[in-house]
Amino acid sequence: MCASKIIIPAKTLQHLRPGQIGMVKLTPKAYNTLVDLANESGMTLSKIASEIIDQATEKDLIQFERNEVSE
C-alpha cells in the first residue's frame, strides 16, 4: 500500500432486491410534469415514472455522453 496517496472509495449504486422499493428525488419541474401525466392518465406517479424509464431503455432512447481524453 502506498502511504503517500489518499484513497477514497468510489460510490457505487446497488440494484434493488425483490420486495425493495426504490426512491429518487425529482426537480420541481419533473415532478409537476409527472403530476400532470398522472392527472391525465389516472395512473400512479410511480407507475408512470417506471413506464417512462422502461420504455426509454427498451427503445434505446437514452444516449450517454462520455468525456474522452485525447492524447
C-alpha atoms as a PDB file:
ATOM      1  CA  MET A   1       0.000   0.000   0.000  1.00  0.00           C
ATOM      2  CA  CYS A   2       1.324   3.451  -0.913  1.00  0.00           C
ATOM      3  CA  ALA A   3       1.270   5.764   2.135  1.00  0.00           C
ATOM      4  CA  SER A   4       1.613   8.931   0.015  1.00  0.00           C
ATOM      5  CA  LYS A   5      -1.872   8.713  -1.512  1.00  0.00           C
ATOM      6  CA  ILE A   6      -5.285   9.292  -0.037  1.00  0.00           C
ATOM      7  CA  ILE A   7      -7.639   6.533  -1.069  1.00  0.00           C
ATOM      8  CA  ILE A   8     -11.345   7.365  -1.182  1.00  0.00           C
ATOM      9  CA  PRO A   9     -13.745   4.596  -2.172  1.00  0.00           C
ATOM     10  CA  ALA A  10     -15.956   5.349  -5.156  1.00  0.00           C
ATOM     11  CA  LYS A  11     -19.693   5.430  -4.641  1.00  0.00           C
ATOM     12  CA  THR A  12     -21.472   2.574  -6.350  1.00  0.00           C
ATOM     13  CA  LEU A  13     -25.240   2.343  -6.517  1.00  0.00           C
ATOM     14  CA  GLN A  14     -26.736  -1.044  -5.780  1.00  0.00           C
ATOM     15  CA  HIS A  15     -29.640  -2.699  -7.594  1.00  0.00           C
ATOM     16  CA  LEU A  16     -32.737  -3.360  -5.551  1.00  0.00           C
ATOM     17  CA  ARG A  17     -33.617  -6.843  -4.410  1.00  0.00           C
ATOM     18  CA  PRO A  18     -37.140  -8.203  -4.919  1.00  0.00           C
ATOM     19  CA  GLY A  19     -39.548  -6.606  -2.483  1.00  0.00           C
ATOM     20  CA  GLN A  20     -37.479  -3.443  -2.019  1.00  0.00           C
ATOM     21  CA  ILE A  21     -38.771  -0.056  -3.152  1.00  0.00           C
ATOM     22  CA  GLY A  22     -36.506   2.496  -4.809  1.00  0.00           C
ATOM     23  CA  MET A  23     -36.751   6.209  -4.182  1.00  0.00           C
ATOM     24  CA  VAL A  24     -35.371   9.197  -6.089  1.00  0.00           C
ATOM     25  CA  LYS A  25     -35.714  12.957  -5.743  1.00  0.00           C
ATOM     26  CA  LEU A  26     -37.064  14.906  -8.700  1.00  0.00           C
ATOM     27  CA  THR A  27     -36.734  18.514  -9.708  1.00  0.00           C
ATOM     28  CA  PRO A  28     -39.918  20.532  -9.201  1.00  0.00           C
ATOM     29  CA  LYS A  29     -40.386  20.728 -12.989  1.00  0.00           C
ATOM     30  CA  ALA A  30     -40.069  16.953 -13.437  1.00  0.00           C
ATOM     31  CA  TYR A  31     -42.402  16.293 -10.504  1.00  0.00           C
ATOM     32  CA  ASN A  32     -45.020  18.709 -11.828  1.00  0.00           C
ATOM     33  CA  THR A  33     -44.839  17.080 -15.262  1.00  0.00           C
ATOM     34  CA  LEU A  34     -45.309  13.694 -13.628  1.00  0.00           C
ATOM     35  CA  VAL A  35     -48.343  15.032 -11.726  1.00  0.00           C
ATOM     36  CA  ASP A  36     -49.839  16.346 -14.981  1.00  0.00           C
ATOM     37  CA  LEU A  37     -49.325  12.934 -16.604  1.00  0.00           C
ATOM     38  CA  ALA A  38     -50.930  11.211 -13.606  1.00  0.00           C
ATOM     39  CA  ASN A  39     -53.915  13.541 -13.713  1.00  0.00           C
ATOM     40  CA  GLU A  40     -54.393  12.838 -17.424  1.00  0.00           C
ATOM     41  CA  SER A  41     -53.889   9.083 -17.258  1.00  0.00           C
ATOM     42  CA  GLY A  42     -55.206   8.102 -13.843  1.00  0.00           C
ATOM     43  CA  MET A  43     -52.009   6.090 -13.281  1.00  0.00           C
ATOM     44  CA  THR A  44     -49.888   6.422 -10.137  1.00  0.00           C
ATOM     45  CA  LEU A  45     -46.751   8.580 -10.152  1.00  0.00           C
ATOM     46  CA  SER A  46     -44.513   5.560  -9.633  1.00  0.00           C
ATOM     47  CA  LYS A  47     -46.201   3.596 -12.443  1.00  0.00           C
ATOM     48  CA  ILE A  48     -45.767   6.490 -14.892  1.00  0.00           C
ATOM     49  CA  ALA A  49     -42.123   7.086 -13.953  1.00  0.00           C
ATOM     50  CA  SER A  50     -41.399   3.357 -14.234  1.00  0.00           C
ATOM     51  CA  GLU A  51     -43.096   3.129 -17.640  1.00  0.00           C
ATOM     52  CA  ILE A  52     -41.170   6.137 -18.976  1.00  0.00           C
ATOM     53  CA  ILE A  53     -37.841   4.689 -17.814  1.00  0.00           C
ATOM     54  CA  ASP A  54     -38.642   1.169 -19.045  1.00  0.00           C
ATOM     55  CA  GLN A  55     -39.772   2.352 -22.483  1.00  0.00           C
ATOM     56  CA  ALA A  56     -36.851   4.754 -22.903  1.00  0.00           C
ATOM     57  CA  THR A  57     -34.455   1.908 -22.112  1.00  0.00           C
ATOM     58  CA  GLU A  58     -36.214  -0.676 -24.289  1.00  0.00           C
ATOM     59  CA  LYS A  59     -36.402   1.701 -27.269  1.00  0.00           C
ATOM     60  CA  ASP A  60     -32.788   2.852 -26.809  1.00  0.00           C
ATOM     61  CA  LEU A  61     -33.836   6.494 -26.411  1.00  0.00           C
ATOM     62  CA  ILE A  62     -31.056   7.373 -23.964  1.00  0.00           C
ATOM     63  CA  GLN A  63     -27.581   8.335 -25.127  1.00  0.00           C
ATOM     64  CA  PHE A  64     -24.671   8.837 -22.776  1.00  0.00           C
ATOM     65  CA  GLU A  65     -22.034  11.455 -23.451  1.00  0.00           C
ATOM     66  CA  ARG A  66     -18.644  10.434 -22.207  1.00  0.00           C
ATOM     67  CA  ASN A  67     -15.729  12.809 -21.844  1.00  0.00           C
ATOM     68  CA  GLU A  68     -12.960  11.185 -23.803  1.00  0.00           C
ATOM     69  CA  VAL A  69      -9.359  12.127 -23.070  1.00  0.00           C
ATOM     70  CA  SER A  70      -7.404  12.660 -26.259  1.00  0.00           C
ATOM     71  CA  GLU A  71      -3.678  12.051 -26.271  1.00  0.00           C
END
